[in-house]
């Protein structure tokens, strides 16, 4: 009983300080803890970045779907790819390829 009687006056004397310290610790934990305010802001920022990347990928996916549909249905699209990328020509046509370095020299839109 003697120990209990010695502790009670000390607790009464420092109760406000201990309560204030406890509140301060809780506030610090709520701000800087693993599930605190700063962690929540960081997570929300990551979510926004992932959503933006997802939107970009969805847009690219729609573009690719459109291109696939055009390749399946549009013969002029296929012909354009064959001409530009594969260097094919219709019978009687002649293809003249100019090296990239000379194209820049003779291009009237490019100013020296």
N, C-alpha and C. Protein backbone atom coordinates (compact mmCIF):
# COMPACT_ATOMS: atom_id res chain seq x y z
N UNK A 1 0.80 -1.20 0.00
CA UNK A 1 0.00 0.00 0.00
C UNK A 1 0.85 1.27 0.00
N UNK A 2 2.01 1.15 0.56
CA UNK A 2 2.87 2.33 0.67
C UNK A 2 3.31 2.80 -0.72
N UNK A 3 3.60 1.89 -1.61
CA UNK A 3 4.03 2.25 -2.97
C UNK A 3 2.88 2.92 -3.72
N UNK A 4 1.67 2.40 -3.51
CA UNK A 4 0.51 2.95 -4.19
C UNK A 4 0.23 4.36 -3.69
N UNK A 5 0.41 4.58 -2.42
CA UNK A 5 0.18 5.90 -1.83
C UNK A 5 1.22 6.91 -2.30
N UNK A 6 2.43 6.45 -2.64
CA UNK A 6 3.48 7.35 -3.12
C UNK A 6 3.25 7.71 -4.60
N UNK A 7 2.67 6.79 -5.36
CA UNK A 7 2.49 7.02 -6.81
C UNK A 7 1.31 7.94 -7.08
N UNK A 8 0.23 7.85 -6.32
CA UNK A 8 -0.97 8.63 -6.56
C UNK A 8 -0.72 10.14 -6.52
N UNK A 9 0.02 10.68 -5.57
CA UNK A 9 0.26 12.12 -5.61
C UNK A 9 1.09 12.55 -6.83
N UNK A 10 2.01 11.68 -7.22
CA UNK A 10 2.84 11.99 -8.40
C UNK A 10 1.97 12.00 -9.66
N UNK A 11 1.06 11.02 -9.78
CA UNK A 11 0.16 10.98 -10.93
C UNK A 11 -0.75 12.18 -10.96
N UNK A 12 -1.29 12.59 -9.80
CA UNK A 12 -2.16 13.76 -9.75
C UNK A 12 -1.40 15.02 -10.12
N UNK A 13 -0.16 15.09 -9.72
CA UNK A 13 0.66 16.27 -9.98
C UNK A 13 1.02 16.37 -11.47
N UNK A 14 1.29 15.22 -12.11
CA UNK A 14 1.75 15.24 -13.50
C UNK A 14 0.72 14.69 -14.49
N UNK A 15 -0.52 14.60 -14.09
CA UNK A 15 -1.57 14.02 -14.94
C UNK A 15 -1.74 14.79 -16.24
N UNK A 16 -1.77 16.11 -16.15
CA UNK A 16 -1.95 16.93 -17.37
C UNK A 16 -0.76 16.76 -18.32
N UNK A 17 0.41 16.74 -17.78
CA UNK A 17 1.61 16.58 -18.63
C UNK A 17 1.59 15.20 -19.30
N UNK A 18 1.24 14.16 -18.54
CA UNK A 18 1.18 12.82 -19.12
C UNK A 18 0.08 12.72 -20.19
N UNK A 19 -1.06 13.33 -19.91
CA UNK A 19 -2.13 13.33 -20.89
C UNK A 19 -1.72 14.10 -22.15
N UNK A 20 -1.08 15.23 -21.97
CA UNK A 20 -0.59 16.00 -23.11
C UNK A 20 0.44 15.21 -23.91
N UNK A 21 1.33 14.52 -23.22
CA UNK A 21 2.34 13.70 -23.89
C UNK A 21 1.68 12.57 -24.68
N UNK A 22 0.67 11.96 -24.09
CA UNK A 22 -0.06 10.89 -24.78
C UNK A 22 -0.76 11.42 -26.04
N UNK A 23 -1.39 12.57 -25.92
CA UNK A 23 -2.05 13.18 -27.09
C UNK A 23 -1.02 13.51 -28.16
N UNK A 24 0.11 14.04 -27.77
CA UNK A 24 1.17 14.37 -28.72
C UNK A 24 1.67 13.11 -29.45
N UNK A 25 1.86 12.04 -28.70
CA UNK A 25 2.31 10.78 -29.31
C UNK A 25 1.27 10.28 -30.30
N UNK A 26 0.00 10.36 -29.96
CA UNK A 26 -1.07 9.92 -30.87
C UNK A 26 -1.12 10.77 -32.13
N UNK A 27 -0.94 12.07 -31.99
CA UNK A 27 -0.94 12.96 -33.16
C UNK A 27 0.25 12.64 -34.07
N UNK A 28 1.42 12.48 -33.48
CA UNK A 28 2.60 12.14 -34.27
C UNK A 28 2.39 10.81 -34.99
N UNK A 29 1.81 9.86 -34.31
CA UNK A 29 1.54 8.55 -34.92
C UNK A 29 0.54 8.68 -36.07
N UNK A 30 -0.50 9.51 -35.89
CA UNK A 30 -1.50 9.69 -36.94
C UNK A 30 -0.93 10.40 -38.16
N UNK A 31 0.07 11.22 -37.97
CA UNK A 31 0.66 11.94 -39.10
C UNK A 31 1.76 11.12 -39.76
N UNK A 32 2.67 10.58 -38.98
CA UNK A 32 3.86 9.94 -39.53
C UNK A 32 3.82 8.41 -39.49
N UNK A 33 2.79 7.81 -38.94
CA UNK A 33 2.72 6.35 -38.80
C UNK A 33 2.57 5.64 -40.14
N UNK A 34 2.60 4.32 -40.09
CA UNK A 34 2.53 3.53 -41.32
C UNK A 34 1.20 3.71 -42.04
N UNK A 35 0.14 4.00 -41.31
CA UNK A 35 -1.17 4.26 -41.92
C UNK A 35 -1.61 5.69 -41.65
N UNK A 36 -0.66 6.57 -41.44
CA UNK A 36 -0.96 7.95 -41.09
C UNK A 36 -1.26 8.81 -42.31
N UNK A 37 -1.36 10.09 -42.04
CA UNK A 37 -1.73 11.07 -43.05
C UNK A 37 -0.74 11.10 -44.21
N UNK A 38 0.54 11.13 -43.91
CA UNK A 38 1.55 11.20 -44.98
C UNK A 38 1.55 9.94 -45.83
N UNK A 39 1.39 8.79 -45.21
CA UNK A 39 1.32 7.54 -45.96
C UNK A 39 0.09 7.52 -46.85
N UNK A 40 -1.01 8.05 -46.35
CA UNK A 40 -2.24 8.11 -47.14
C UNK A 40 -2.06 9.02 -48.35
N UNK A 41 -1.42 10.16 -48.16
CA UNK A 41 -1.17 11.07 -49.28
C UNK A 41 -0.27 10.42 -50.33
N UNK A 42 0.75 9.72 -49.88
CA UNK A 42 1.67 9.03 -50.78
C UNK A 42 0.92 7.96 -51.57
N UNK A 43 0.06 7.23 -50.91
CA UNK A 43 -0.72 6.18 -51.56
C UNK A 43 -1.68 6.78 -52.58
N UNK A 44 -2.32 7.89 -52.23
CA UNK A 44 -3.23 8.55 -53.16
C UNK A 44 -2.48 9.05 -54.39
N UNK A 45 -1.28 9.54 -54.20
CA UNK A 45 -0.46 9.99 -55.33
C UNK A 45 -0.12 8.81 -56.25
N UNK A 46 0.24 7.70 -55.66
CA UNK A 46 0.53 6.50 -56.45
C UNK A 46 -0.71 6.02 -57.20
N UNK A 47 -1.86 6.10 -56.57
CA UNK A 47 -3.11 5.69 -57.22
C UNK A 47 -3.38 6.58 -58.43
N UNK A 48 -3.18 7.89 -58.28
CA UNK A 48 -3.39 8.80 -59.41
C UNK A 48 -2.44 8.47 -60.56
N UNK A 49 -1.18 8.16 -60.25
CA UNK A 49 -0.21 7.82 -61.29
C UNK A 49 -0.61 6.53 -62.01
N UNK A 50 -1.05 5.53 -61.25
CA UNK A 50 -1.46 4.26 -61.85
C UNK A 50 -2.71 4.46 -62.71
N UNK A 51 -3.65 5.28 -62.24
CA UNK A 51 -4.86 5.54 -63.02
C UNK A 51 -4.51 6.26 -64.32
N UNK A 52 -3.57 7.20 -64.27
CA UNK A 52 -3.15 7.90 -65.49
C UNK A 52 -2.49 6.93 -66.46
N UNK A 53 -1.66 6.05 -65.95
CA UNK A 53 -1.02 5.05 -66.81
C UNK A 53 -2.06 4.10 -67.40
N UNK A 54 -3.06 3.74 -66.61
CA UNK A 54 -4.13 2.87 -67.09
C UNK A 54 -4.94 3.55 -68.18
N UNK A 55 -5.24 4.83 -67.99
CA UNK A 55 -5.95 5.58 -69.02
C UNK A 55 -5.15 5.63 -70.32
N UNK A 56 -3.84 5.85 -70.21
CA UNK A 56 -2.97 5.88 -71.39
C UNK A 56 -2.97 4.53 -72.09
N UNK A 57 -2.88 3.45 -71.33
CA UNK A 57 -2.88 2.11 -71.92
C UNK A 57 -4.23 1.80 -72.58
N UNK A 58 -5.32 2.24 -71.96
CA UNK A 58 -6.64 2.04 -72.57
C UNK A 58 -6.75 2.79 -73.89
N UNK A 59 -6.20 4.00 -73.94
CA UNK A 59 -6.21 4.78 -75.17
C UNK A 59 -5.38 4.08 -76.25
N UNK A 60 -4.21 3.61 -75.88
CA UNK A 60 -3.37 2.89 -76.85
C UNK A 60 -4.07 1.62 -77.33
N UNK A 61 -4.76 0.94 -76.42
CA UNK A 61 -5.48 -0.28 -76.77
C UNK A 61 -6.59 0.03 -77.78
N UNK A 62 -7.31 1.12 -77.57
CA UNK A 62 -8.36 1.51 -78.53
C UNK A 62 -7.77 1.84 -79.89
N UNK A 63 -6.62 2.54 -79.89
CA UNK A 63 -5.95 2.87 -81.15
C UNK A 63 -5.52 1.59 -81.88
N UNK A 64 -4.99 0.64 -81.13
CA UNK A 64 -4.56 -0.62 -81.75
C UNK A 64 -5.75 -1.42 -82.27
N UNK A 65 -6.85 -1.42 -81.52
CA UNK A 65 -8.06 -2.10 -81.99
C UNK A 65 -8.57 -1.47 -83.29
N UNK A 66 -8.55 -0.13 -83.35
CA UNK A 66 -8.96 0.57 -84.56
C UNK A 66 -8.05 0.20 -85.73
N UNK A 67 -6.76 0.17 -85.47
CA UNK A 67 -5.81 -0.16 -86.54
C UNK A 67 -6.00 -1.60 -87.02
N UNK A 68 -6.24 -2.53 -86.10
CA UNK A 68 -6.49 -3.92 -86.49
C UNK A 68 -7.73 -4.00 -87.35
N UNK A 69 -8.78 -3.29 -86.96
CA UNK A 69 -10.03 -3.29 -87.74
C UNK A 69 -9.77 -2.74 -89.14
N UNK A 70 -9.00 -1.65 -89.22
CA UNK A 70 -8.68 -1.08 -90.53
C UNK A 70 -7.86 -2.05 -91.37
N UNK A 71 -6.92 -2.74 -90.75
CA UNK A 71 -6.10 -3.69 -91.50
C UNK A 71 -6.94 -4.87 -92.02
N UNK A 72 -7.97 -5.23 -91.28
CA UNK A 72 -8.83 -6.33 -91.72
C UNK A 72 -9.81 -5.92 -92.81
N UNK A 73 -10.18 -4.64 -92.84
CA UNK A 73 -11.25 -4.22 -93.75
C UNK A 73 -10.82 -3.25 -94.84
N UNK A 74 -9.73 -2.54 -94.67
CA UNK A 74 -9.34 -1.49 -95.62
C UNK A 74 -8.15 -1.94 -96.46
N UNK A 75 -8.39 -2.27 -97.75
CA UNK A 75 -7.27 -2.71 -98.60
C UNK A 75 -6.27 -1.58 -98.88
N UNK A 76 -6.72 -0.34 -98.84
CA UNK A 76 -5.79 0.78 -99.08
C UNK A 76 -4.80 0.93 -97.93
N UNK A 77 -5.23 0.62 -96.73
CA UNK A 77 -4.32 0.65 -95.58
C UNK A 77 -3.22 -0.40 -95.75
N UNK A 78 -3.61 -1.59 -96.15
CA UNK A 78 -2.63 -2.66 -96.37
C UNK A 78 -1.69 -2.27 -97.51
N UNK A 79 -2.23 -1.70 -98.57
CA UNK A 79 -1.38 -1.27 -99.69
C UNK A 79 -0.39 -0.20 -99.25
N UNK A 80 -0.84 0.74 -98.43
CA UNK A 80 0.04 1.79 -97.93
C UNK A 80 1.19 1.22 -97.12
N UNK A 81 0.90 0.24 -96.28
CA UNK A 81 1.96 -0.39 -95.50
C UNK A 81 2.93 -1.13 -96.41
N UNK A 82 2.39 -1.83 -97.39
CA UNK A 82 3.24 -2.57 -98.32
C UNK A 82 4.14 -1.61 -99.09
N UNK A 83 3.63 -0.49 -99.49
CA UNK A 83 4.43 0.49 -100.25
C UNK A 83 5.48 1.16 -99.36
N UNK A 84 5.08 1.62 -98.21
CA UNK A 84 5.98 2.42 -97.36
C UNK A 84 7.00 1.57 -96.61
N UNK A 85 6.56 0.50 -96.01
CA UNK A 85 7.45 -0.26 -95.15
C UNK A 85 8.18 -1.37 -95.89
N UNK A 86 7.54 -1.95 -96.89
CA UNK A 86 8.16 -3.09 -97.57
C UNK A 86 8.76 -2.71 -98.91
N UNK A 87 8.50 -1.48 -99.37
CA UNK A 87 9.09 -1.02 -100.63
C UNK A 87 8.47 -1.68 -101.86
N UNK A 88 7.26 -2.14 -101.76
CA UNK A 88 6.60 -2.78 -102.90
C UNK A 88 5.98 -1.72 -103.80
N UNK A 89 5.80 -2.09 -105.08
CA UNK A 89 5.22 -1.17 -106.05
C UNK A 89 4.28 -1.95 -106.96
N UNK A 90 3.40 -1.23 -107.62
CA UNK A 90 2.50 -1.84 -108.59
C UNK A 90 3.30 -2.13 -109.86
N UNK A 91 2.78 -3.02 -110.67
CA UNK A 91 3.49 -3.28 -111.94
C UNK A 91 3.60 -2.00 -112.76
N UNK A 92 4.78 -1.74 -113.25
CA UNK A 92 5.03 -0.56 -114.07
C UNK A 92 5.52 0.64 -113.27
N UNK A 93 5.47 0.59 -111.97
CA UNK A 93 5.96 1.69 -111.15
C UNK A 93 7.43 1.47 -110.82
N UNK A 94 8.15 2.59 -110.65
CA UNK A 94 9.55 2.55 -110.26
C UNK A 94 9.69 3.28 -108.93
N UNK A 95 10.39 2.66 -107.99
CA UNK A 95 10.62 3.28 -106.68
C UNK A 95 12.03 3.82 -106.64
N UNK A 96 12.13 5.09 -106.29
CA UNK A 96 13.44 5.74 -106.15
C UNK A 96 13.59 6.11 -104.68
N UNK A 97 14.61 5.54 -104.06
CA UNK A 97 14.85 5.82 -102.64
C UNK A 97 16.00 6.82 -102.51
N UNK A 98 15.75 7.88 -101.76
CA UNK A 98 16.75 8.90 -101.51
C UNK A 98 17.25 8.71 -100.09
N UNK A 99 18.58 8.66 -99.89
CA UNK A 99 19.11 8.50 -98.53
C UNK A 99 18.64 9.65 -97.62
N UNK A 100 18.50 9.37 -96.37
CA UNK A 100 18.00 10.34 -95.40
C UNK A 100 18.86 11.60 -95.37
N UNK A 101 20.17 11.47 -95.47
CA UNK A 101 21.06 12.64 -95.42
C UNK A 101 20.83 13.57 -96.60
N UNK A 102 20.55 13.02 -97.76
CA UNK A 102 20.30 13.86 -98.93
C UNK A 102 18.90 14.45 -98.92
N UNK A 103 17.96 13.79 -98.27
CA UNK A 103 16.62 14.34 -98.18
C UNK A 103 16.63 15.66 -97.42
N UNK A 104 17.43 15.74 -96.38
CA UNK A 104 17.49 16.96 -95.59
C UNK A 104 18.14 18.10 -96.38
N UNK A 105 19.13 17.78 -97.20
CA UNK A 105 19.81 18.81 -97.98
C UNK A 105 18.91 19.40 -99.05
N UNK A 106 18.05 18.60 -99.67
CA UNK A 106 17.22 19.05 -100.78
C UNK A 106 15.81 19.39 -100.38
N UNK A 107 15.49 19.30 -99.13
CA UNK A 107 14.13 19.60 -98.67
C UNK A 107 13.96 21.11 -98.58
N UNK A 108 13.05 21.70 -99.37
CA UNK A 108 12.89 23.16 -99.36
C UNK A 108 12.29 23.68 -98.06
N UNK A 109 11.63 22.83 -97.28
CA UNK A 109 11.01 23.31 -96.03
C UNK A 109 12.03 23.44 -94.91
N UNK A 110 13.19 22.78 -95.05
CA UNK A 110 14.22 22.84 -94.02
C UNK A 110 15.12 24.04 -94.31
N UNK A 111 15.25 24.94 -93.34
CA UNK A 111 16.10 26.11 -93.50
C UNK A 111 17.45 25.84 -92.87
N UNK A 112 18.53 26.20 -93.59
CA UNK A 112 19.87 25.97 -93.03
C UNK A 112 20.19 26.86 -91.86
